[in-house]
Amino acid sequence: MAAAAKAVGVPIKLLHEGEGHMVTIELKNGEIYRGHLDESEETMNCLVTDVVVTARDGRVTKLENVYIRGSQIKRERRAFMILPDLLKHSPVFEKVKELKKADDAKPRRGQRK
């Protein structure tokens, strides 16, 4: 129950909104997977279909479907997953903008209203 009660963050919401679209995912071992994101989970586990895998040495392999464990996805400061540009108009970002606007309106320590 505790895990279900946790709030889902913006990156996970965007991942879910990317379902049905073409994505590119880089793994910790350097392999790159590009295909259609069919399903995703809060743990970032992903089911990707019509996949093209590029190995670290440049070899390219085509696979029908791949289940990628979320813990194997590279998570560094730069992008680890590329989602379609159309998601930049996602309602998730509107919510973030509203929260930021409300936060900016709050007086800070030492500031006057």
N, C-alpha and C. Protein backbone atom coordinates (compact mmCIF):
# COMPACT_ATOMS: atom_id res chain seq x y z
N MET A 1 0.82 -1.19 0.00
CA MET A 1 0.00 0.00 0.00
C MET A 1 0.87 1.26 0.00
N ALA A 2 1.97 1.24 0.73
CA ALA A 2 2.83 2.42 0.81
C ALA A 2 3.38 2.79 -0.56
N ALA A 3 3.77 1.77 -1.35
CA ALA A 3 4.31 2.05 -2.68
C ALA A 3 3.24 2.66 -3.58
N ALA A 4 2.00 2.19 -3.44
CA ALA A 4 0.92 2.71 -4.27
C ALA A 4 0.56 4.14 -3.88
N ALA A 5 0.80 4.48 -2.63
CA ALA A 5 0.45 5.82 -2.14
C ALA A 5 1.47 6.87 -2.55
N LYS A 6 2.66 6.46 -2.99
CA LYS A 6 3.68 7.42 -3.38
C LYS A 6 3.23 8.19 -4.61
N ALA A 7 3.54 9.46 -4.63
CA ALA A 7 3.20 10.29 -5.78
C ALA A 7 4.10 9.94 -6.96
N VAL A 8 3.53 9.94 -8.14
CA VAL A 8 4.29 9.65 -9.35
C VAL A 8 4.86 10.97 -9.86
N GLY A 9 6.16 10.99 -10.13
CA GLY A 9 6.83 12.21 -10.57
C GLY A 9 6.60 12.52 -12.03
N VAL A 10 7.02 13.70 -12.43
CA VAL A 10 6.85 14.17 -13.80
C VAL A 10 7.54 13.26 -14.81
N PRO A 11 8.79 12.81 -14.58
CA PRO A 11 9.42 11.93 -15.57
C PRO A 11 8.63 10.66 -15.83
N ILE A 12 8.05 10.07 -14.79
CA ILE A 12 7.27 8.84 -14.96
C ILE A 12 5.97 9.14 -15.70
N LYS A 13 5.34 10.27 -15.39
CA LYS A 13 4.12 10.65 -16.11
C LYS A 13 4.41 10.85 -17.59
N LEU A 14 5.53 11.49 -17.90
CA LEU A 14 5.92 11.68 -19.30
C LEU A 14 6.20 10.35 -19.98
N LEU A 15 6.82 9.44 -19.25
CA LEU A 15 7.10 8.12 -19.79
C LEU A 15 5.78 7.45 -20.19
N HIS A 16 4.79 7.50 -19.31
CA HIS A 16 3.48 6.91 -19.61
C HIS A 16 2.82 7.60 -20.81
N GLU A 17 2.97 8.90 -20.92
CA GLU A 17 2.39 9.62 -22.06
C GLU A 17 3.12 9.29 -23.36
N GLY A 18 4.34 8.78 -23.26
CA GLY A 18 5.08 8.39 -24.44
C GLY A 18 4.65 7.05 -25.02
N GLU A 19 3.79 6.34 -24.30
CA GLU A 19 3.32 5.04 -24.78
C GLU A 19 2.62 5.21 -26.13
N GLY A 20 2.96 4.32 -27.06
CA GLY A 20 2.39 4.40 -28.40
C GLY A 20 3.24 5.21 -29.36
N HIS A 21 4.32 5.78 -28.88
CA HIS A 21 5.19 6.61 -29.71
C HIS A 21 6.58 5.97 -29.83
N MET A 22 7.34 6.46 -30.80
CA MET A 22 8.71 6.00 -31.02
C MET A 22 9.60 6.62 -29.95
N VAL A 23 10.42 5.79 -29.29
CA VAL A 23 11.34 6.27 -28.26
C VAL A 23 12.73 5.71 -28.51
N THR A 24 13.71 6.35 -27.91
CA THR A 24 15.09 5.86 -27.92
C THR A 24 15.53 5.76 -26.48
N ILE A 25 16.06 4.58 -26.10
CA ILE A 25 16.46 4.32 -24.72
C ILE A 25 17.92 3.87 -24.70
N GLU A 26 18.73 4.51 -23.85
CA GLU A 26 20.12 4.11 -23.69
C GLU A 26 20.27 3.35 -22.38
N LEU A 27 20.94 2.20 -22.44
CA LEU A 27 21.15 1.39 -21.25
C LEU A 27 22.51 1.69 -20.63
N LYS A 28 22.69 1.24 -19.40
CA LYS A 28 23.95 1.44 -18.68
C LYS A 28 25.13 0.80 -19.40
N ASN A 29 24.87 -0.29 -20.14
CA ASN A 29 25.96 -0.98 -20.85
C ASN A 29 26.30 -0.33 -22.19
N GLY A 30 25.62 0.79 -22.53
CA GLY A 30 25.92 1.51 -23.75
C GLY A 30 25.07 1.14 -24.95
N GLU A 31 24.25 0.10 -24.84
CA GLU A 31 23.37 -0.28 -25.94
C GLU A 31 22.25 0.75 -26.08
N ILE A 32 21.81 0.95 -27.33
CA ILE A 32 20.73 1.90 -27.60
C ILE A 32 19.58 1.14 -28.26
N TYR A 33 18.38 1.30 -27.71
CA TYR A 33 17.18 0.65 -28.21
C TYR A 33 16.24 1.71 -28.76
N ARG A 34 15.79 1.52 -30.00
CA ARG A 34 14.84 2.46 -30.60
C ARG A 34 13.66 1.66 -31.11
N GLY A 35 12.46 2.05 -30.69
CA GLY A 35 11.26 1.36 -31.12
C GLY A 35 10.01 2.02 -30.56
N HIS A 36 8.87 1.34 -30.71
CA HIS A 36 7.59 1.87 -30.22
C HIS A 36 7.39 1.44 -28.77
N LEU A 37 7.16 2.42 -27.91
CA LEU A 37 6.92 2.15 -26.49
C LEU A 37 5.48 1.68 -26.33
N ASP A 38 5.29 0.39 -26.06
CA ASP A 38 3.94 -0.16 -25.90
C ASP A 38 3.44 0.01 -24.48
N GLU A 39 4.28 -0.30 -23.50
CA GLU A 39 3.87 -0.20 -22.10
C GLU A 39 5.04 0.28 -21.25
N SER A 40 4.71 0.93 -20.14
CA SER A 40 5.74 1.34 -19.19
C SER A 40 5.17 1.25 -17.78
N GLU A 41 6.07 1.14 -16.82
CA GLU A 41 5.67 1.00 -15.42
C GLU A 41 6.34 2.09 -14.59
N GLU A 42 5.88 2.27 -13.36
CA GLU A 42 6.45 3.27 -12.46
C GLU A 42 7.93 3.00 -12.18
N THR A 43 8.35 1.75 -12.33
CA THR A 43 9.75 1.38 -12.13
C THR A 43 10.59 1.64 -13.37
N MET A 44 9.98 2.22 -14.40
CA MET A 44 10.58 2.52 -15.70
C MET A 44 10.83 1.27 -16.53
N ASN A 45 10.29 0.12 -16.11
CA ASN A 45 10.32 -1.05 -16.97
C ASN A 45 9.52 -0.71 -18.22
N CYS A 46 10.02 -1.11 -19.39
CA CYS A 46 9.38 -0.74 -20.66
C CYS A 46 9.26 -1.93 -21.59
N LEU A 47 8.11 -2.03 -22.24
CA LEU A 47 7.93 -3.00 -23.32
C LEU A 47 8.00 -2.20 -24.62
N VAL A 48 9.00 -2.53 -25.45
CA VAL A 48 9.23 -1.81 -26.70
C VAL A 48 9.11 -2.81 -27.85
N THR A 49 8.38 -2.42 -28.92
CA THR A 49 8.21 -3.30 -30.07
C THR A 49 8.86 -2.69 -31.31
N ASP A 50 9.04 -3.54 -32.34
CA ASP A 50 9.70 -3.13 -33.59
C ASP A 50 11.00 -2.41 -33.27
N VAL A 51 11.89 -3.12 -32.60
CA VAL A 51 13.09 -2.52 -32.00
C VAL A 51 14.32 -2.66 -32.89
N VAL A 52 15.09 -1.59 -32.95
CA VAL A 52 16.42 -1.63 -33.56
C VAL A 52 17.40 -1.40 -32.42
N VAL A 53 18.30 -2.37 -32.21
CA VAL A 53 19.29 -2.30 -31.14
C VAL A 53 20.64 -1.98 -31.75
N THR A 54 21.30 -0.95 -31.22
CA THR A 54 22.65 -0.62 -31.64
C THR A 54 23.58 -0.93 -30.48
N ALA A 55 24.48 -1.90 -30.69
CA ALA A 55 25.43 -2.30 -29.66
C ALA A 55 26.54 -1.26 -29.55
N ARG A 56 27.31 -1.36 -28.49
CA ARG A 56 28.42 -0.41 -28.28
C ARG A 56 29.42 -0.43 -29.43
N ASP A 57 29.60 -1.61 -30.04
CA ASP A 57 30.57 -1.72 -31.14
C ASP A 57 29.96 -1.33 -32.49
N GLY A 58 28.70 -0.88 -32.51
CA GLY A 58 28.07 -0.41 -33.74
C GLY A 58 27.21 -1.44 -34.45
N ARG A 59 27.23 -2.69 -33.99
CA ARG A 59 26.39 -3.72 -34.62
C ARG A 59 24.92 -3.36 -34.43
N VAL A 60 24.13 -3.57 -35.48
CA VAL A 60 22.70 -3.26 -35.43
C VAL A 60 21.92 -4.56 -35.54
N THR A 61 20.94 -4.72 -34.66
CA THR A 61 20.08 -5.90 -34.64
C THR A 61 18.64 -5.45 -34.59
N LYS A 62 17.77 -6.16 -35.32
CA LYS A 62 16.33 -5.86 -35.27
C LYS A 62 15.64 -6.95 -34.47
N LEU A 63 14.76 -6.53 -33.56
CA LEU A 63 14.01 -7.45 -32.72
C LEU A 63 12.53 -7.10 -32.77
N GLU A 64 11.68 -8.12 -32.61
CA GLU A 64 10.24 -7.89 -32.64
C GLU A 64 9.78 -7.13 -31.40
N ASN A 65 10.22 -7.58 -30.22
CA ASN A 65 9.88 -6.86 -28.99
C ASN A 65 10.94 -7.13 -27.93
N VAL A 66 11.05 -6.17 -27.01
CA VAL A 66 12.04 -6.24 -25.93
C VAL A 66 11.40 -5.70 -24.66
N TYR A 67 11.66 -6.38 -23.55
CA TYR A 67 11.24 -5.88 -22.25
C TYR A 67 12.50 -5.36 -21.57
N ILE A 68 12.54 -4.07 -21.32
CA ILE A 68 13.72 -3.44 -20.73
C ILE A 68 13.45 -3.17 -19.26
N ARG A 69 14.33 -3.68 -18.43
CA ARG A 69 14.21 -3.45 -16.99
C ARG A 69 14.63 -2.01 -16.68
N GLY A 70 13.81 -1.31 -15.92
CA GLY A 70 14.05 0.10 -15.62
C GLY A 70 15.38 0.36 -14.94
N SER A 71 15.83 -0.59 -14.12
CA SER A 71 17.09 -0.39 -13.40
C SER A 71 18.30 -0.43 -14.33
N GLN A 72 18.12 -0.91 -15.57
CA GLN A 72 19.22 -0.98 -16.52
C GLN A 72 19.29 0.25 -17.43
N ILE A 73 18.29 1.13 -17.32
CA ILE A 73 18.28 2.34 -18.13
C ILE A 73 19.27 3.35 -17.55
N LYS A 74 20.08 3.91 -18.41
CA LYS A 74 21.10 4.87 -17.99
C LYS A 74 20.42 6.13 -17.46
N ARG A 75 20.84 6.57 -16.29
CA ARG A 75 20.26 7.77 -15.68
C ARG A 75 21.38 8.70 -15.27
N GLU A 76 21.73 9.58 -16.16
CA GLU A 76 22.75 10.57 -15.87
C GLU A 76 22.18 11.94 -16.14
N ARG A 77 23.01 12.94 -16.05
CA ARG A 77 22.54 14.31 -16.25
C ARG A 77 22.01 14.54 -17.66
N ARG A 78 22.58 13.86 -18.62
CA ARG A 78 22.08 14.02 -19.98
C ARG A 78 20.92 13.06 -20.21
N ALA A 79 20.29 13.15 -21.33
CA ALA A 79 19.10 12.35 -21.62
C ALA A 79 19.42 10.86 -21.62
N PHE A 80 18.56 10.07 -21.02
CA PHE A 80 18.68 8.62 -21.03
C PHE A 80 17.58 8.02 -21.88
N MET A 81 16.56 8.82 -22.16
CA MET A 81 15.46 8.36 -22.97
C MET A 81 14.97 9.55 -23.80
N ILE A 82 14.76 9.31 -25.07
CA ILE A 82 14.29 10.37 -25.94
C ILE A 82 12.84 10.08 -26.29
N LEU A 83 11.96 11.01 -25.93
CA LEU A 83 10.54 10.89 -26.21
C LEU A 83 10.18 11.84 -27.34
N PRO A 84 9.02 11.65 -27.97
CA PRO A 84 8.63 12.52 -29.09
C PRO A 84 8.47 13.99 -28.66
N ASP A 85 8.76 14.90 -29.59
CA ASP A 85 8.64 16.34 -29.33
C ASP A 85 7.22 16.75 -28.95
N LEU A 86 6.22 16.01 -29.43
CA LEU A 86 4.85 16.40 -29.15
C LEU A 86 4.53 16.38 -27.66
N LEU A 87 5.32 15.67 -26.87
CA LEU A 87 5.07 15.61 -25.43
C LEU A 87 5.42 16.92 -24.72
N LYS A 88 6.11 17.83 -25.42
CA LYS A 88 6.41 19.10 -24.77
C LYS A 88 5.14 19.92 -24.55
N HIS A 89 4.05 19.52 -25.20
CA HIS A 89 2.76 20.18 -25.01
C HIS A 89 1.87 19.39 -24.06
N SER A 90 2.46 18.48 -23.33
CA SER A 90 1.73 17.61 -22.41
C SER A 90 1.12 18.41 -21.27
N PRO A 91 -0.06 17.99 -20.79
CA PRO A 91 -0.67 18.64 -19.62
C PRO A 91 0.22 18.59 -18.38
N VAL A 92 1.12 17.64 -18.32
CA VAL A 92 2.04 17.53 -17.18
C VAL A 92 2.85 18.82 -17.05
N PHE A 93 3.33 19.35 -18.18
CA PHE A 93 4.13 20.57 -18.14
C PHE A 93 3.29 21.78 -17.73
N GLU A 94 2.02 21.79 -18.12
CA GLU A 94 1.14 22.89 -17.70
C GLU A 94 1.01 22.89 -16.18
N LYS A 95 0.87 21.70 -15.59
CA LYS A 95 0.76 21.58 -14.14
C LYS A 95 2.05 22.08 -13.47
N VAL A 96 3.20 21.71 -14.04
CA VAL A 96 4.49 22.15 -13.50
C VAL A 96 4.59 23.68 -13.57
N LYS A 97 4.16 24.26 -14.70
CA LYS A 97 4.20 25.72 -14.85
C LYS A 97 3.33 26.39 -13.79
N GLU A 98 2.13 25.83 -13.54
CA GLU A 98 1.23 26.39 -12.53
C GLU A 98 1.88 26.33 -11.14
N LEU A 99 2.49 25.21 -10.81
CA LEU A 99 3.13 25.06 -9.51
C LEU A 99 4.30 26.03 -9.36
N LYS A 100 5.08 26.19 -10.43
CA LYS A 100 6.21 27.12 -10.39
C LYS A 100 5.73 28.55 -10.22
N LYS A 101 4.66 28.89 -10.94
CA LYS A 101 4.11 30.24 -10.85
C LYS A 101 3.64 30.53 -9.42
N ALA A 102 2.96 29.57 -8.81
CA ALA A 102 2.48 29.73 -7.43
C ALA A 102 3.66 29.85 -6.46
N ASP A 103 4.70 29.05 -6.70
CA ASP A 103 5.88 29.09 -5.84
C ASP A 103 6.62 30.42 -5.97
N ASP A 104 6.70 30.95 -7.19
CA ASP A 104 7.37 32.23 -7.42
C ASP A 104 6.61 33.39 -6.77
N ALA A 105 5.31 33.24 -6.61
CA ALA A 105 4.49 34.30 -6.02
C ALA A 105 4.65 34.37 -4.50
N LYS A 106 5.14 33.31 -3.88
CA LYS A 106 5.32 33.29 -2.43
C LYS A 106 6.49 34.20 -2.05
N PRO A 107 6.32 34.99 -0.99
CA PRO A 107 7.45 35.82 -0.55
C PRO A 107 8.56 34.95 0.03
N ARG A 108 9.77 35.30 -0.28
CA ARG A 108 10.94 34.58 0.22
C ARG A 108 11.40 35.20 1.53
N ARG A 109 12.21 34.48 2.22
CA ARG A 109 12.77 34.98 3.48
C ARG A 109 13.54 36.27 3.22
N GLY A 110 13.18 37.30 3.95
CA GLY A 110 13.85 38.58 3.79
C GLY A 110 13.21 39.47 2.74
N GLN A 111 12.22 38.95 2.02
CA GLN A 111 11.53 39.75 1.01
C GLN A 111 10.20 40.24 1.57
N ARG A 112 9.74 41.32 1.02
CA ARG A 112 8.42 41.83 1.39
C ARG A 112 7.43 41.50 0.29
N LYS A 113 6.19 41.42 0.67
CA LYS A 113 5.13 41.16 -0.30
C LYS A 113 4.92 42.30 -1.24
